[in-house]
N, C-alpha and C. Protein backbone atom coordinates (compact mmCIF):
# COMPACT_ATOMS: atom_id res chain seq x y z
N MET A 1 116.12 -24.17 35.22
CA MET A 1 115.09 -23.24 35.65
C MET A 1 115.65 -22.29 36.71
N VAL A 2 116.39 -22.81 37.69
CA VAL A 2 116.95 -21.97 38.74
C VAL A 2 117.96 -21.00 38.14
N GLY A 3 118.75 -21.45 37.18
CA GLY A 3 119.71 -20.58 36.51
C GLY A 3 119.03 -19.43 35.78
N GLU A 4 117.88 -19.72 35.18
CA GLU A 4 117.13 -18.68 34.47
C GLU A 4 116.65 -17.60 35.44
N ILE A 5 116.15 -18.02 36.60
CA ILE A 5 115.65 -17.05 37.58
C ILE A 5 116.78 -16.17 38.09
N SER A 6 117.94 -16.77 38.39
CA SER A 6 119.04 -15.95 38.90
C SER A 6 119.56 -15.00 37.83
N ASN A 7 119.54 -15.42 36.55
CA ASN A 7 119.93 -14.51 35.47
C ASN A 7 118.97 -13.34 35.36
N VAL A 8 117.68 -13.63 35.47
CA VAL A 8 116.67 -12.58 35.44
C VAL A 8 116.86 -11.63 36.62
N GLU A 9 117.07 -12.20 37.81
CA GLU A 9 117.28 -11.38 39.00
C GLU A 9 118.52 -10.51 38.86
N ASN A 10 119.60 -11.07 38.35
CA ASN A 10 120.83 -10.30 38.17
C ASN A 10 120.64 -9.18 37.16
N THR A 11 119.98 -9.48 36.06
CA THR A 11 119.70 -8.46 35.05
C THR A 11 118.82 -7.36 35.63
N CYS A 12 117.79 -7.76 36.38
CA CYS A 12 116.88 -6.79 36.98
C CYS A 12 117.58 -5.92 38.00
N LYS A 13 118.41 -6.54 38.85
CA LYS A 13 119.13 -5.77 39.87
C LYS A 13 120.08 -4.77 39.24
N SER A 14 120.80 -5.19 38.21
CA SER A 14 121.75 -4.27 37.58
C SER A 14 121.01 -3.15 36.84
N ARG A 15 119.89 -3.47 36.21
CA ARG A 15 119.13 -2.45 35.50
C ARG A 15 118.49 -1.46 36.48
N LEU A 16 118.01 -1.96 37.62
CA LEU A 16 117.43 -1.09 38.64
C LEU A 16 118.50 -0.18 39.23
N LYS A 17 119.67 -0.73 39.48
CA LYS A 17 120.78 0.08 40.01
C LYS A 17 121.13 1.19 39.01
N GLU A 18 121.17 0.86 37.75
CA GLU A 18 121.44 1.83 36.69
C GLU A 18 120.35 2.90 36.64
N TYR A 19 119.09 2.47 36.77
CA TYR A 19 117.96 3.40 36.74
C TYR A 19 118.08 4.40 37.90
N VAL A 20 118.36 3.90 39.10
CA VAL A 20 118.46 4.76 40.28
C VAL A 20 119.62 5.74 40.13
N GLN A 21 120.74 5.29 39.58
CA GLN A 21 121.88 6.18 39.37
C GLN A 21 121.54 7.29 38.37
N ASN A 22 120.75 6.96 37.37
CA ASN A 22 120.37 7.94 36.35
C ASN A 22 119.24 8.88 36.79
N HIS A 23 118.59 8.56 37.90
CA HIS A 23 117.47 9.37 38.41
C HIS A 23 117.68 9.65 39.90
N PRO A 24 118.67 10.45 40.26
CA PRO A 24 118.95 10.70 41.68
C PRO A 24 117.82 11.41 42.41
N GLU A 25 116.94 12.08 41.67
CA GLU A 25 115.84 12.81 42.32
C GLU A 25 114.86 11.88 43.04
N ILE A 26 114.84 10.59 42.69
CA ILE A 26 113.89 9.69 43.36
C ILE A 26 114.26 9.45 44.81
N PHE A 27 115.53 9.70 45.19
CA PHE A 27 115.92 9.55 46.59
C PHE A 27 115.18 10.55 47.48
N HIS A 28 114.83 11.70 46.94
CA HIS A 28 114.18 12.75 47.71
C HIS A 28 112.70 12.89 47.38
N PHE A 29 112.18 11.96 46.60
CA PHE A 29 110.78 12.05 46.16
C PHE A 29 109.82 12.12 47.34
N SER A 30 109.94 11.20 48.29
CA SER A 30 109.02 11.17 49.43
C SER A 30 109.12 12.43 50.27
N SER A 31 110.34 12.92 50.47
CA SER A 31 110.49 14.13 51.29
C SER A 31 109.89 15.35 50.60
N LEU A 32 109.82 15.33 49.27
CA LEU A 32 109.17 16.43 48.56
C LEU A 32 107.65 16.35 48.71
N GLN A 33 107.13 15.15 48.90
CA GLN A 33 105.70 14.98 49.08
C GLN A 33 105.26 15.31 50.51
N LEU A 34 106.15 15.05 51.47
CA LEU A 34 105.85 15.27 52.88
C LEU A 34 106.61 16.50 53.36
N LYS A 35 105.90 17.53 53.72
CA LYS A 35 106.52 18.77 54.16
C LYS A 35 106.84 18.69 55.65
N ARG A 36 107.98 19.21 56.03
CA ARG A 36 108.37 19.22 57.44
C ARG A 36 107.42 20.11 58.23
N TYR A 37 107.22 19.75 59.47
CA TYR A 37 106.39 20.50 60.41
C TYR A 37 104.91 20.55 60.02
N GLN A 38 104.50 19.67 59.16
CA GLN A 38 103.09 19.60 58.80
C GLN A 38 102.51 18.32 59.38
N GLN A 39 101.28 18.36 59.82
CA GLN A 39 100.65 17.17 60.38
C GLN A 39 100.00 16.35 59.28
N TYR A 40 100.06 15.04 59.43
CA TYR A 40 99.48 14.13 58.45
C TYR A 40 98.58 13.13 59.14
N HIS A 41 97.57 12.70 58.42
CA HIS A 41 96.66 11.69 58.93
C HIS A 41 97.31 10.32 58.75
N LEU A 42 97.25 9.49 59.79
CA LEU A 42 97.80 8.14 59.74
C LEU A 42 96.70 7.13 60.02
N ASP A 43 96.78 5.99 59.36
CA ASP A 43 95.91 4.84 59.64
C ASP A 43 96.79 3.66 59.97
N ILE A 44 96.36 2.85 60.92
CA ILE A 44 97.06 1.61 61.23
C ILE A 44 96.21 0.47 60.66
N LEU A 45 96.82 -0.34 59.80
CA LEU A 45 96.12 -1.44 59.15
C LEU A 45 97.02 -2.66 59.19
N ASN A 46 96.56 -3.71 59.87
CA ASN A 46 97.34 -4.95 59.98
C ASN A 46 98.77 -4.67 60.47
N ASN A 47 98.87 -3.87 61.52
CA ASN A 47 100.16 -3.51 62.12
C ASN A 47 101.07 -2.74 61.16
N GLN A 48 100.50 -2.12 60.15
CA GLN A 48 101.27 -1.29 59.23
C GLN A 48 100.68 0.11 59.24
N CYS A 49 101.54 1.09 59.10
CA CYS A 49 101.12 2.48 59.14
C CYS A 49 100.93 3.00 57.72
N ILE A 50 99.80 3.61 57.48
CA ILE A 50 99.54 4.23 56.18
C ILE A 50 99.46 5.73 56.41
N ILE A 51 100.31 6.47 55.71
CA ILE A 51 100.34 7.91 55.86
C ILE A 51 99.72 8.55 54.63
N TYR A 52 98.85 9.52 54.87
CA TYR A 52 98.20 10.22 53.77
C TYR A 52 98.97 11.50 53.49
N ALA A 53 99.44 11.65 52.27
CA ALA A 53 100.29 12.77 51.91
C ALA A 53 99.53 13.88 51.22
N LYS A 54 98.47 13.54 50.50
CA LYS A 54 97.70 14.55 49.77
C LYS A 54 96.22 14.29 50.01
N GLY A 55 95.74 14.75 51.13
CA GLY A 55 94.33 14.55 51.44
C GLY A 55 93.99 13.09 51.62
N ARG A 56 93.20 12.55 50.70
CA ARG A 56 92.78 11.15 50.80
C ARG A 56 93.73 10.20 50.08
N LYS A 57 94.81 10.72 49.53
CA LYS A 57 95.77 9.89 48.79
C LYS A 57 96.95 9.55 49.71
N SER A 58 97.25 8.27 49.81
CA SER A 58 98.35 7.85 50.68
C SER A 58 99.69 7.99 49.96
N LEU A 59 100.74 8.07 50.75
CA LEU A 59 102.09 8.13 50.18
C LEU A 59 102.36 6.89 49.33
N SER A 60 101.84 5.75 49.75
CA SER A 60 102.01 4.52 48.97
C SER A 60 101.41 4.66 47.58
N GLU A 61 100.21 5.23 47.50
CA GLU A 61 99.56 5.45 46.20
C GLU A 61 100.40 6.38 45.32
N ILE A 62 100.93 7.42 45.93
CA ILE A 62 101.73 8.39 45.19
C ILE A 62 102.98 7.72 44.63
N LEU A 63 103.63 6.90 45.45
CA LEU A 63 104.82 6.18 44.98
C LEU A 63 104.46 5.22 43.86
N LEU A 64 103.36 4.51 44.03
CA LEU A 64 102.92 3.55 43.00
C LEU A 64 102.59 4.24 41.69
N GLU A 65 101.86 5.34 41.75
CA GLU A 65 101.43 5.99 40.51
C GLU A 65 102.57 6.72 39.81
N ASN A 66 103.69 6.88 40.49
CA ASN A 66 104.87 7.46 39.86
C ASN A 66 105.88 6.39 39.45
N GLY A 67 105.50 5.12 39.60
CA GLY A 67 106.37 4.02 39.20
C GLY A 67 107.59 3.88 40.07
N LEU A 68 107.49 4.27 41.34
CA LEU A 68 108.62 4.19 42.25
C LEU A 68 108.44 3.12 43.31
N ALA A 69 107.40 2.32 43.16
CA ALA A 69 107.13 1.22 44.08
C ALA A 69 106.37 0.15 43.32
N VAL A 70 106.33 -1.03 43.91
CA VAL A 70 105.58 -2.14 43.34
C VAL A 70 104.56 -2.58 44.37
N ARG A 71 103.37 -2.82 43.90
CA ARG A 71 102.26 -3.21 44.78
C ARG A 71 102.53 -4.55 45.44
N ASP A 72 102.23 -4.63 46.73
CA ASP A 72 102.34 -5.87 47.48
C ASP A 72 101.00 -6.59 47.35
N VAL A 73 101.01 -7.73 46.68
CA VAL A 73 99.75 -8.44 46.43
C VAL A 73 99.18 -9.09 47.68
N LYS A 74 99.88 -9.00 48.80
CA LYS A 74 99.41 -9.61 50.04
C LYS A 74 98.52 -8.68 50.86
N VAL A 75 98.22 -7.52 50.34
CA VAL A 75 97.37 -6.58 51.05
C VAL A 75 96.00 -7.21 51.27
N LYS A 76 95.52 -7.19 52.50
CA LYS A 76 94.26 -7.86 52.82
C LYS A 76 93.07 -6.91 52.88
N ASN A 77 93.30 -5.63 52.65
CA ASN A 77 92.21 -4.66 52.70
C ASN A 77 91.75 -4.37 51.27
N ILE A 78 90.49 -4.62 50.99
CA ILE A 78 89.96 -4.50 49.63
C ILE A 78 90.08 -3.08 49.10
N VAL A 79 89.80 -2.09 49.94
CA VAL A 79 89.86 -0.70 49.51
C VAL A 79 91.28 -0.32 49.10
N PHE A 80 92.25 -0.64 49.95
CA PHE A 80 93.63 -0.30 49.63
C PHE A 80 94.15 -1.12 48.46
N GLU A 81 93.75 -2.38 48.39
CA GLU A 81 94.18 -3.21 47.27
C GLU A 81 93.71 -2.60 45.95
N TYR A 82 92.46 -2.13 45.92
CA TYR A 82 91.92 -1.50 44.71
C TYR A 82 92.66 -0.20 44.39
N LYS A 83 92.86 0.65 45.39
CA LYS A 83 93.56 1.92 45.17
C LYS A 83 94.98 1.70 44.69
N PHE A 84 95.68 0.74 45.31
CA PHE A 84 97.07 0.47 44.93
C PHE A 84 97.16 -0.11 43.52
N LYS A 85 96.23 -1.00 43.20
CA LYS A 85 96.22 -1.60 41.86
C LYS A 85 95.95 -0.53 40.81
N ARG A 86 95.00 0.34 41.08
CA ARG A 86 94.67 1.43 40.15
C ARG A 86 95.87 2.37 39.97
N ALA A 87 96.56 2.70 41.05
CA ALA A 87 97.73 3.58 40.97
C ALA A 87 98.85 2.93 40.16
N GLU A 88 99.06 1.64 40.39
CA GLU A 88 100.10 0.92 39.64
C GLU A 88 99.75 0.85 38.15
N LEU A 89 98.49 0.60 37.84
CA LEU A 89 98.06 0.55 36.44
C LEU A 89 98.25 1.89 35.73
N ARG A 90 98.02 2.99 36.47
CA ARG A 90 98.25 4.32 35.91
C ARG A 90 99.72 4.50 35.55
N ALA A 91 100.60 4.08 36.44
CA ALA A 91 102.05 4.20 36.18
C ALA A 91 102.44 3.36 34.97
N ARG A 92 101.89 2.16 34.87
CA ARG A 92 102.19 1.30 33.72
C ARG A 92 101.70 1.94 32.42
N ARG A 93 100.47 2.42 32.44
CA ARG A 93 99.87 3.01 31.24
C ARG A 93 100.64 4.26 30.80
N GLU A 94 101.05 5.07 31.76
CA GLU A 94 101.75 6.31 31.44
C GLU A 94 103.28 6.13 31.36
N LYS A 95 103.73 4.88 31.59
CA LYS A 95 105.16 4.53 31.51
C LYS A 95 106.01 5.44 32.38
N LYS A 96 105.62 5.51 33.65
CA LYS A 96 106.35 6.33 34.61
C LYS A 96 107.30 5.47 35.43
N GLY A 97 108.38 6.10 35.90
CA GLY A 97 109.31 5.42 36.79
C GLY A 97 109.86 4.15 36.19
N ILE A 98 109.80 3.08 36.96
CA ILE A 98 110.37 1.81 36.49
C ILE A 98 109.64 1.26 35.27
N TYR A 99 108.42 1.72 35.04
CA TYR A 99 107.67 1.25 33.87
C TYR A 99 108.08 1.97 32.59
N SER A 100 108.97 2.95 32.70
CA SER A 100 109.47 3.63 31.50
C SER A 100 110.58 2.83 30.83
N ASP A 101 111.12 1.87 31.54
CA ASP A 101 112.19 1.04 31.03
C ASP A 101 111.66 -0.35 30.70
N PRO A 102 111.78 -0.80 29.45
CA PRO A 102 111.20 -2.11 29.06
C PRO A 102 111.72 -3.28 29.89
N ILE A 103 112.99 -3.27 30.22
CA ILE A 103 113.55 -4.39 31.00
C ILE A 103 112.99 -4.38 32.42
N LEU A 104 112.97 -3.21 33.05
CA LEU A 104 112.42 -3.15 34.40
C LEU A 104 110.94 -3.50 34.41
N ARG A 105 110.22 -3.09 33.38
CA ARG A 105 108.80 -3.40 33.27
C ARG A 105 108.61 -4.93 33.22
N SER A 106 109.44 -5.61 32.46
CA SER A 106 109.33 -7.07 32.39
C SER A 106 109.80 -7.72 33.69
N CYS A 107 110.73 -7.08 34.39
CA CYS A 107 111.19 -7.60 35.69
C CYS A 107 110.03 -7.63 36.68
N VAL A 108 109.25 -6.57 36.71
CA VAL A 108 108.12 -6.51 37.63
C VAL A 108 107.15 -7.63 37.30
N ASN A 109 106.90 -7.87 36.03
CA ASN A 109 105.98 -8.94 35.62
C ASN A 109 106.49 -10.31 36.02
N VAL A 110 107.78 -10.55 35.87
CA VAL A 110 108.37 -11.86 36.16
C VAL A 110 108.48 -12.11 37.65
N LEU A 111 108.91 -11.12 38.40
CA LEU A 111 109.20 -11.32 39.82
C LEU A 111 108.01 -11.17 40.73
N LYS A 112 106.89 -10.69 40.22
CA LYS A 112 105.72 -10.49 41.07
C LYS A 112 105.04 -11.78 41.41
């Protein structure tokens, strides 16, 4: 069982590394969403900072809905948990980012 998990992890890590190399634009994705010298609304929730990049949409939601992040199931705020889950489901349905690759998609399912 332990050998299976490490094989899955190794496969996932190598596939993710390959994905990132093939999509260099994702390194600058957040900076394209956040403009320099512009003010943003911030919320502090459980000692974590949430930055809103597009009005009422947080940068976390934007990353999730583009398949560039994975939802943390430990979120204790019902509103954010719902928003993040909805954003992640949109990325899955539209096969964006990591969800465009079948192996990475299964990695998220296994490792979550």
